[in-house]
Amino acid sequence: MERWHTIVVISRSLEETQDLAEELARHLVGGDVLALVGELGSGKTSFVQGLARGLGVKGYVRSPSFTIINEYQGRVPLYHFDFYRVESLDEIYELGCEEYFYSEKGVCVIEWAEKFIEILPARHLRIEFSWIDPLSREINLFLPEEGGYEDPWFRNIHGDS
């Protein structure tokens, strides 16, 4: 049974959400997989924009709602997936998504990951977004107890200042 270490962060603005993601990105390496979970408008794409900034991606990052995947070049490649419009696991296999998830080449981040969580590696970082009010979000980071994320940064972050 997978065990998780949970970190709860309160973000009071879009900028705080992006800053958290930017800082997180500095600790990511090729092969890391981030599963983003949350309602429409809860901050998932904004979080990915901060990740991209932290990975050194130049240019605007947008959700790949219709293309399913966008690739960006930074210090490591960023593979940004959006499963919102995906209706079956077969579609994911047809697109070859699992080849990205099990590669060490880049960082994968998947919006609406809960739709097909079973395809992701056991060692992934799950990040859940929920509304507090129009500007504030609760962001829960679930880190696997084993298999990575031993960097002290992961154990020491907090956002309730």
N, C-alpha and C. Protein backbone atom coordinates (compact mmCIF):
# COMPACT_ATOMS: atom_id res chain seq x y z
N MET A 1 0.83 -1.18 0.00
CA MET A 1 0.00 0.00 0.00
C MET A 1 0.89 1.25 0.00
N GLU A 2 0.60 2.17 -0.91
CA GLU A 2 1.36 3.41 -1.04
C GLU A 2 1.07 4.31 0.16
N ARG A 3 2.12 4.88 0.74
CA ARG A 3 1.97 5.82 1.85
C ARG A 3 2.41 7.18 1.37
N TRP A 4 1.71 8.22 1.85
CA TRP A 4 1.94 9.57 1.38
C TRP A 4 2.24 10.51 2.55
N HIS A 5 3.12 11.45 2.28
CA HIS A 5 3.37 12.56 3.20
C HIS A 5 2.61 13.75 2.61
N THR A 6 1.77 14.41 3.40
CA THR A 6 0.93 15.49 2.90
C THR A 6 1.41 16.84 3.40
N ILE A 7 1.45 17.79 2.47
CA ILE A 7 1.80 19.16 2.79
C ILE A 7 0.63 20.03 2.33
N VAL A 8 0.13 20.89 3.22
CA VAL A 8 -0.98 21.77 2.89
C VAL A 8 -0.45 23.20 2.78
N VAL A 9 -0.76 23.83 1.65
CA VAL A 9 -0.33 25.21 1.40
C VAL A 9 -1.58 26.03 1.11
N ILE A 10 -1.67 27.20 1.71
CA ILE A 10 -2.74 28.14 1.40
C ILE A 10 -2.15 29.23 0.52
N SER A 11 -2.69 29.34 -0.69
CA SER A 11 -2.28 30.39 -1.62
C SER A 11 -3.36 31.46 -1.61
N ARG A 12 -2.97 32.69 -1.43
CA ARG A 12 -3.93 33.78 -1.34
C ARG A 12 -4.03 34.59 -2.64
N SER A 13 -3.31 34.14 -3.69
CA SER A 13 -3.37 34.86 -4.96
C SER A 13 -2.81 33.98 -6.08
N LEU A 14 -3.10 34.38 -7.30
CA LEU A 14 -2.54 33.73 -8.47
C LEU A 14 -1.01 33.76 -8.41
N GLU A 15 -0.46 34.89 -8.00
CA GLU A 15 0.99 35.03 -7.92
C GLU A 15 1.60 34.07 -6.90
N GLU A 16 0.95 33.90 -5.75
CA GLU A 16 1.46 32.95 -4.75
C GLU A 16 1.44 31.53 -5.28
N THR A 17 0.38 31.18 -6.01
CA THR A 17 0.30 29.84 -6.61
C THR A 17 1.45 29.64 -7.59
N GLN A 18 1.67 30.62 -8.44
CA GLN A 18 2.75 30.51 -9.43
C GLN A 18 4.12 30.52 -8.76
N ASP A 19 4.29 31.31 -7.70
CA ASP A 19 5.57 31.34 -6.99
C ASP A 19 5.88 29.99 -6.34
N LEU A 20 4.86 29.36 -5.74
CA LEU A 20 5.04 28.03 -5.15
C LEU A 20 5.50 27.05 -6.22
N ALA A 21 4.83 27.07 -7.37
CA ALA A 21 5.18 26.16 -8.46
C ALA A 21 6.58 26.45 -8.99
N GLU A 22 6.92 27.71 -9.11
CA GLU A 22 8.26 28.07 -9.59
C GLU A 22 9.34 27.52 -8.66
N GLU A 23 9.12 27.67 -7.36
CA GLU A 23 10.08 27.14 -6.39
C GLU A 23 10.14 25.61 -6.46
N LEU A 24 8.99 24.97 -6.57
CA LEU A 24 8.94 23.52 -6.69
C LEU A 24 9.75 23.07 -7.90
N ALA A 25 9.59 23.78 -9.03
CA ALA A 25 10.26 23.39 -10.27
C ALA A 25 11.77 23.34 -10.12
N ARG A 26 12.32 24.16 -9.26
CA ARG A 26 13.77 24.18 -9.05
C ARG A 26 14.29 22.88 -8.44
N HIS A 27 13.38 22.08 -7.90
CA HIS A 27 13.77 20.83 -7.24
C HIS A 27 13.37 19.60 -8.05
N LEU A 28 12.82 19.82 -9.22
CA LEU A 28 12.38 18.72 -10.08
C LEU A 28 13.48 18.33 -11.05
N VAL A 29 13.45 17.06 -11.44
CA VAL A 29 14.41 16.53 -12.40
C VAL A 29 13.65 15.73 -13.46
N GLY A 30 14.32 15.42 -14.54
CA GLY A 30 13.72 14.58 -15.56
C GLY A 30 13.22 13.28 -14.96
N GLY A 31 12.02 12.88 -15.34
CA GLY A 31 11.41 11.68 -14.80
C GLY A 31 10.36 11.97 -13.75
N ASP A 32 10.33 13.20 -13.22
CA ASP A 32 9.30 13.54 -12.23
C ASP A 32 7.95 13.69 -12.93
N VAL A 33 6.91 13.20 -12.25
CA VAL A 33 5.55 13.25 -12.77
C VAL A 33 4.67 13.91 -11.72
N LEU A 34 3.93 14.94 -12.14
CA LEU A 34 3.03 15.66 -11.25
C LEU A 34 1.60 15.48 -11.73
N ALA A 35 0.76 14.97 -10.87
CA ALA A 35 -0.66 14.74 -11.17
C ALA A 35 -1.47 15.85 -10.51
N LEU A 36 -2.07 16.72 -11.34
CA LEU A 36 -2.84 17.84 -10.82
C LEU A 36 -4.32 17.50 -10.81
N VAL A 37 -4.96 17.76 -9.67
CA VAL A 37 -6.36 17.40 -9.47
C VAL A 37 -7.09 18.63 -8.94
N GLY A 38 -8.24 18.94 -9.50
CA GLY A 38 -9.03 20.06 -9.00
C GLY A 38 -10.10 20.47 -9.99
N GLU A 39 -11.08 21.18 -9.49
CA GLU A 39 -12.18 21.65 -10.31
C GLU A 39 -11.69 22.64 -11.36
N LEU A 40 -12.53 22.88 -12.35
CA LEU A 40 -12.27 23.88 -13.37
C LEU A 40 -12.06 25.24 -12.70
N GLY A 41 -10.97 25.91 -13.06
CA GLY A 41 -10.68 27.22 -12.50
C GLY A 41 -10.04 27.22 -11.13
N SER A 42 -9.58 26.07 -10.66
CA SER A 42 -9.01 25.99 -9.31
C SER A 42 -7.53 26.34 -9.24
N GLY A 43 -6.89 26.57 -10.39
CA GLY A 43 -5.50 27.01 -10.37
C GLY A 43 -4.50 26.07 -11.01
N LYS A 44 -4.96 25.00 -11.63
CA LYS A 44 -4.04 24.02 -12.20
C LYS A 44 -3.15 24.62 -13.30
N THR A 45 -3.76 25.30 -14.26
CA THR A 45 -2.97 25.87 -15.35
C THR A 45 -2.05 26.98 -14.84
N SER A 46 -2.52 27.79 -13.93
CA SER A 46 -1.67 28.83 -13.33
C SER A 46 -0.46 28.19 -12.65
N PHE A 47 -0.68 27.08 -11.98
CA PHE A 47 0.41 26.36 -11.33
C PHE A 47 1.43 25.89 -12.38
N VAL A 48 0.94 25.37 -13.49
CA VAL A 48 1.84 24.90 -14.55
C VAL A 48 2.64 26.08 -15.12
N GLN A 49 2.02 27.24 -15.22
CA GLN A 49 2.75 28.42 -15.70
C GLN A 49 3.92 28.75 -14.77
N GLY A 50 3.71 28.64 -13.47
CA GLY A 50 4.80 28.85 -12.51
C GLY A 50 5.87 27.78 -12.62
N LEU A 51 5.45 26.52 -12.81
CA LEU A 51 6.42 25.43 -13.02
C LEU A 51 7.30 25.74 -14.22
N ALA A 52 6.66 26.15 -15.30
CA ALA A 52 7.40 26.43 -16.53
C ALA A 52 8.43 27.53 -16.28
N ARG A 53 8.02 28.56 -15.59
CA ARG A 53 8.95 29.66 -15.26
C ARG A 53 10.14 29.13 -14.47
N GLY A 54 9.87 28.26 -13.49
CA GLY A 54 10.93 27.69 -12.67
C GLY A 54 11.84 26.74 -13.42
N LEU A 55 11.34 26.17 -14.51
CA LEU A 55 12.16 25.29 -15.36
C LEU A 55 12.86 26.06 -16.46
N GLY A 56 12.66 27.38 -16.51
CA GLY A 56 13.34 28.19 -17.51
C GLY A 56 12.67 28.21 -18.87
N VAL A 57 11.41 27.85 -18.93
CA VAL A 57 10.67 27.88 -20.19
C VAL A 57 10.41 29.33 -20.57
N LYS A 58 10.66 29.66 -21.83
CA LYS A 58 10.39 31.01 -22.34
C LYS A 58 9.05 30.99 -23.07
N GLY A 59 8.31 32.07 -22.99
CA GLY A 59 7.04 32.16 -23.71
C GLY A 59 5.86 31.80 -22.84
N TYR A 60 4.68 31.96 -23.43
CA TYR A 60 3.43 31.75 -22.71
C TYR A 60 3.06 30.27 -22.67
N VAL A 61 2.60 29.81 -21.52
CA VAL A 61 2.17 28.43 -21.33
C VAL A 61 0.66 28.42 -21.20
N ARG A 62 0.02 27.60 -22.02
CA ARG A 62 -1.44 27.49 -21.97
C ARG A 62 -1.83 26.02 -21.86
N SER A 63 -3.01 25.79 -21.36
CA SER A 63 -3.49 24.42 -21.20
C SER A 63 -3.73 23.76 -22.56
N PRO A 64 -3.27 22.54 -22.71
CA PRO A 64 -3.47 21.83 -23.98
C PRO A 64 -4.81 21.10 -24.04
N SER A 65 -5.89 21.81 -23.75
CA SER A 65 -7.22 21.21 -23.67
C SER A 65 -7.63 20.46 -24.94
N PHE A 66 -7.25 21.00 -26.08
CA PHE A 66 -7.66 20.36 -27.34
C PHE A 66 -6.55 19.53 -27.96
N THR A 67 -5.30 19.83 -27.65
CA THR A 67 -4.19 19.07 -28.23
C THR A 67 -3.73 17.94 -27.32
N ILE A 68 -4.17 17.92 -26.09
CA ILE A 68 -3.86 16.94 -25.04
C ILE A 68 -2.46 17.13 -24.47
N ILE A 69 -1.46 17.48 -25.30
CA ILE A 69 -0.10 17.67 -24.79
C ILE A 69 0.56 18.86 -25.46
N ASN A 70 1.27 19.65 -24.65
CA ASN A 70 2.17 20.69 -25.14
C ASN A 70 3.55 20.39 -24.60
N GLU A 71 4.56 20.60 -25.41
CA GLU A 71 5.94 20.39 -25.00
C GLU A 71 6.65 21.73 -24.98
N TYR A 72 7.43 21.96 -23.92
CA TYR A 72 8.18 23.20 -23.76
C TYR A 72 9.62 22.84 -23.42
N GLN A 73 10.55 23.65 -23.92
CA GLN A 73 11.96 23.44 -23.62
C GLN A 73 12.40 24.39 -22.52
N GLY A 74 13.09 23.83 -21.52
CA GLY A 74 13.67 24.58 -20.42
C GLY A 74 14.94 23.87 -20.00
N ARG A 75 15.35 24.00 -18.74
CA ARG A 75 16.54 23.28 -18.30
C ARG A 75 16.34 21.78 -18.42
N VAL A 76 15.10 21.32 -18.27
CA VAL A 76 14.66 19.99 -18.69
C VAL A 76 13.34 20.21 -19.42
N PRO A 77 13.01 19.35 -20.37
CA PRO A 77 11.73 19.54 -21.08
C PRO A 77 10.55 19.43 -20.12
N LEU A 78 9.52 20.20 -20.42
CA LEU A 78 8.26 20.15 -19.68
C LEU A 78 7.20 19.61 -20.62
N TYR A 79 6.57 18.50 -20.22
CA TYR A 79 5.49 17.89 -20.99
C TYR A 79 4.20 18.14 -20.22
N HIS A 80 3.34 18.96 -20.80
CA HIS A 80 2.12 19.42 -20.14
C HIS A 80 0.91 18.74 -20.78
N PHE A 81 0.23 17.91 -20.00
CA PHE A 81 -0.92 17.15 -20.48
C PHE A 81 -2.20 17.72 -19.87
N ASP A 82 -3.30 17.56 -20.59
CA ASP A 82 -4.62 17.92 -20.07
C ASP A 82 -5.59 16.81 -20.47
N PHE A 83 -6.09 16.08 -19.47
CA PHE A 83 -6.98 14.94 -19.72
C PHE A 83 -8.46 15.33 -19.68
N TYR A 84 -8.77 16.62 -19.60
CA TYR A 84 -10.14 17.05 -19.45
C TYR A 84 -11.05 16.49 -20.55
N ARG A 85 -10.61 16.53 -21.79
CA ARG A 85 -11.43 16.09 -22.91
C ARG A 85 -11.17 14.63 -23.32
N VAL A 86 -10.26 13.97 -22.65
CA VAL A 86 -9.95 12.57 -22.97
C VAL A 86 -11.06 11.69 -22.39
N GLU A 87 -11.58 10.79 -23.22
CA GLU A 87 -12.72 9.98 -22.77
C GLU A 87 -12.37 8.54 -22.43
N SER A 88 -11.21 8.06 -22.87
CA SER A 88 -10.88 6.68 -22.57
C SER A 88 -9.37 6.49 -22.43
N LEU A 89 -9.02 5.46 -21.71
CA LEU A 89 -7.62 5.10 -21.54
C LEU A 89 -7.00 4.75 -22.89
N ASP A 90 -7.79 4.20 -23.79
CA ASP A 90 -7.30 3.88 -25.14
C ASP A 90 -6.76 5.12 -25.84
N GLU A 91 -7.42 6.26 -25.68
CA GLU A 91 -6.94 7.50 -26.29
C GLU A 91 -5.54 7.85 -25.79
N ILE A 92 -5.31 7.65 -24.50
CA ILE A 92 -4.01 7.96 -23.91
C ILE A 92 -2.95 7.03 -24.49
N TYR A 93 -3.28 5.75 -24.60
CA TYR A 93 -2.33 4.80 -25.19
C TYR A 93 -2.05 5.13 -26.65
N GLU A 94 -3.09 5.50 -27.39
CA GLU A 94 -2.92 5.84 -28.82
C GLU A 94 -2.00 7.04 -29.00
N LEU A 95 -2.06 7.99 -28.09
CA LEU A 95 -1.20 9.16 -28.15
C LEU A 95 0.22 8.89 -27.67
N GLY A 96 0.44 7.73 -27.05
CA GLY A 96 1.77 7.39 -26.55
C GLY A 96 2.15 8.12 -25.27
N CYS A 97 1.15 8.56 -24.52
CA CYS A 97 1.42 9.35 -23.31
C CYS A 97 2.28 8.60 -22.30
N GLU A 98 2.07 7.30 -22.15
CA GLU A 98 2.80 6.56 -21.13
C GLU A 98 4.30 6.56 -21.40
N GLU A 99 4.69 6.74 -22.67
CA GLU A 99 6.12 6.84 -22.98
C GLU A 99 6.74 8.06 -22.32
N TYR A 100 5.98 9.14 -22.21
CA TYR A 100 6.46 10.33 -21.50
C TYR A 100 6.53 10.07 -20.00
N PHE A 101 5.48 9.44 -19.46
CA PHE A 101 5.37 9.25 -18.02
C PHE A 101 6.49 8.38 -17.45
N TYR A 102 7.01 7.47 -18.25
CA TYR A 102 8.03 6.54 -17.77
C TYR A 102 9.40 6.85 -18.35
N SER A 103 9.58 8.06 -18.86
CA SER A 103 10.85 8.51 -19.42
C SER A 103 11.58 9.36 -18.38
N GLU A 104 12.87 9.41 -18.47
CA GLU A 104 13.67 10.25 -17.59
C GLU A 104 14.04 11.58 -18.27
N LYS A 105 13.50 11.83 -19.45
CA LYS A 105 13.92 12.99 -20.24
C LYS A 105 13.39 14.31 -19.72
N GLY A 106 12.15 14.33 -19.26
CA GLY A 106 11.55 15.60 -18.86
C GLY A 106 10.63 15.46 -17.68
N VAL A 107 10.04 16.59 -17.30
CA VAL A 107 9.05 16.64 -16.23
C VAL A 107 7.67 16.58 -16.87
N CYS A 108 6.83 15.68 -16.40
CA CYS A 108 5.45 15.57 -16.89
C CYS A 108 4.51 16.17 -15.85
N VAL A 109 3.59 16.98 -16.33
CA VAL A 109 2.55 17.52 -15.45
C VAL A 109 1.22 17.29 -16.15
N ILE A 110 0.28 16.69 -15.42
CA ILE A 110 -0.98 16.26 -16.02
C ILE A 110 -2.15 16.94 -15.29
N GLU A 111 -2.89 17.79 -16.02
CA GLU A 111 -4.12 18.36 -15.48
C GLU A 111 -5.23 17.33 -15.65
N TRP A 112 -6.15 17.28 -14.69
CA TRP A 112 -7.25 16.32 -14.67
C TRP A 112 -6.71 14.88 -14.60
N ALA A 113 -5.61 14.71 -13.89
CA ALA A 113 -4.96 13.40 -13.79
C ALA A 113 -5.84 12.34 -13.14
N GLU A 114 -6.78 12.77 -12.28
CA GLU A 114 -7.62 11.80 -11.58
C GLU A 114 -8.46 10.95 -12.53
N LYS A 115 -8.66 11.42 -13.75
CA LYS A 115 -9.46 10.66 -14.70
C LYS A 115 -8.81 9.33 -15.07
N PHE A 116 -7.47 9.31 -15.08
CA PHE A 116 -6.75 8.11 -15.50
C PHE A 116 -5.50 7.92 -14.64
N ILE A 117 -5.67 8.03 -13.34
CA ILE A 117 -4.55 7.96 -12.41
C ILE A 117 -3.81 6.63 -12.51
N GLU A 118 -4.51 5.58 -12.93
CA GLU A 118 -3.92 4.24 -12.99
C GLU A 118 -2.79 4.13 -14.00
N ILE A 119 -2.69 5.04 -14.94
CA ILE A 119 -1.63 4.96 -15.95
C ILE A 119 -0.32 5.59 -15.46
N LEU A 120 -0.39 6.37 -14.39
CA LEU A 120 0.79 7.08 -13.91
C LEU A 120 1.70 6.18 -13.09
N PRO A 121 2.99 6.50 -13.08
CA PRO A 121 3.92 5.74 -12.23
C PRO A 121 3.51 5.86 -10.76
N ALA A 122 3.79 4.83 -9.98
CA ALA A 122 3.47 4.87 -8.55
C ALA A 122 4.18 6.04 -7.88
N ARG A 123 5.38 6.34 -8.32
CA ARG A 123 6.15 7.45 -7.77
C ARG A 123 5.80 8.72 -8.55
N HIS A 124 4.75 9.39 -8.10
CA HIS A 124 4.39 10.68 -8.69
C HIS A 124 3.98 11.61 -7.56
N LEU A 125 4.04 12.88 -7.83
CA LEU A 125 3.63 13.90 -6.89
C LEU A 125 2.20 14.30 -7.23
N ARG A 126 1.28 14.07 -6.31
CA ARG A 126 -0.13 14.41 -6.53
C ARG A 126 -0.39 15.76 -5.87
N ILE A 127 -0.99 16.68 -6.64
CA ILE A 127 -1.26 18.02 -6.14
C ILE A 127 -2.73 18.31 -6.35
N GLU A 128 -3.44 18.55 -5.24
CA GLU A 128 -4.88 18.80 -5.30
C GLU A 128 -5.16 20.26 -4.98
N PHE A 129 -6.02 20.86 -5.79
CA PHE A 129 -6.39 22.27 -5.67
C PHE A 129 -7.85 22.36 -5.27
N SER A 130 -8.15 23.21 -4.30
CA SER A 130 -9.55 23.45 -3.95
C SER A 130 -9.74 24.93 -3.63
N TRP A 131 -10.95 25.41 -3.91
CA TRP A 131 -11.32 26.80 -3.72
C TRP A 131 -11.50 27.11 -2.23
N ILE A 132 -11.01 28.25 -1.82
CA ILE A 132 -11.34 28.81 -0.52
C ILE A 132 -12.26 30.01 -0.74
N ASP A 133 -11.85 30.89 -1.63
CA ASP A 133 -12.64 32.05 -2.04
C ASP A 133 -12.15 32.43 -3.44
N PRO A 134 -12.68 33.49 -4.05
CA PRO A 134 -12.30 33.79 -5.44
C PRO A 134 -10.80 33.93 -5.69
N LEU A 135 -10.01 34.33 -4.70
CA LEU A 135 -8.57 34.48 -4.89
C LEU A 135 -7.74 33.40 -4.23
N SER A 136 -8.26 32.78 -3.20
CA SER A 136 -7.47 31.85 -2.38
C SER A 136 -7.75 30.40 -2.72
N ARG A 137 -6.68 29.59 -2.61
CA ARG A 137 -6.79 28.16 -2.87
C ARG A 137 -6.07 27.39 -1.77
N GLU A 138 -6.59 26.21 -1.46
CA GLU A 138 -5.85 25.25 -0.65
C GLU A 138 -5.19 24.31 -1.63
N ILE A 139 -3.88 24.14 -1.48
CA ILE A 139 -3.12 23.26 -2.35
C ILE A 139 -2.51 22.17 -1.48
N ASN A 140 -2.91 20.94 -1.74
CA ASN A 140 -2.40 19.79 -0.99
C ASN A 140 -1.42 19.04 -1.87
N LEU A 141 -0.20 18.91 -1.37
CA LEU A 141 0.83 18.15 -2.07
C LEU A 141 0.97 16.80 -1.37
N PHE A 142 0.80 15.74 -2.12
CA PHE A 142 0.93 14.38 -1.59
C PHE A 142 2.21 13.79 -2.15
N LEU A 143 3.19 13.59 -1.26
CA LEU A 143 4.49 13.06 -1.65
C LEU A 143 4.57 11.59 -1.27
N PRO A 144 5.00 10.73 -2.19
CA PRO A 144 5.18 9.33 -1.79
C PRO A 144 6.21 9.23 -0.68
N GLU A 145 5.94 8.40 0.31
CA GLU A 145 6.88 8.22 1.43
C GLU A 145 8.21 7.63 0.96
N GLU A 146 8.17 6.84 -0.09
CA GLU A 146 9.39 6.22 -0.62
C GLU A 146 9.50 6.53 -2.10
N GLY A 147 10.71 6.47 -2.60
CA GLY A 147 10.90 6.58 -4.03
C GLY A 147 11.14 7.98 -4.55
N GLY A 148 11.68 8.85 -3.72
CA GLY A 148 12.01 10.19 -4.20
C GLY A 148 11.48 11.27 -3.30
N TYR A 149 11.70 12.48 -3.70
CA TYR A 149 11.26 13.66 -2.97
C TYR A 149 11.86 13.73 -1.57
N GLU A 150 13.12 13.28 -1.44
CA GLU A 150 13.81 13.37 -0.16
C GLU A 150 14.42 14.75 0.06
N ASP A 151 14.47 15.57 -0.97
CA ASP A 151 15.00 16.92 -0.86
C ASP A 151 14.32 17.61 0.33
N PRO A 152 15.10 18.20 1.24
CA PRO A 152 14.49 18.85 2.41
C PRO A 152 13.45 19.92 2.06
N TRP A 153 13.57 20.53 0.88
CA TRP A 153 12.60 21.55 0.49
C TRP A 153 11.19 21.00 0.55
N PHE A 154 10.99 19.78 0.08
CA PHE A 154 9.65 19.20 0.06
C PHE A 154 9.08 19.04 1.46
N ARG A 155 9.93 18.80 2.43
CA ARG A 155 9.47 18.59 3.79
C ARG A 155 9.25 19.90 4.55
N ASN A 156 9.77 20.99 4.03
CA ASN A 156 9.76 22.25 4.78
C ASN A 156 8.88 23.34 4.19
N ILE A 157 8.23 23.09 3.08
CA ILE A 157 7.41 24.16 2.50
C ILE A 157 6.13 24.34 3.30
N HIS A 158 5.65 25.54 3.30
CA HIS A 158 4.35 25.86 3.88
C HIS A 158 3.90 27.16 3.27
N GLY A 159 2.61 27.37 3.22
CA GLY A 159 2.09 28.56 2.57
C GLY A 159 1.05 29.30 3.38
N ASP A 160 1.04 29.10 4.67
CA ASP A 160 -0.01 29.72 5.47
C ASP A 160 0.51 30.94 6.23
N SER A 161 1.36 31.71 5.57
CA SER A 161 1.93 32.89 6.23
C SER A 161 0.95 34.05 6.24
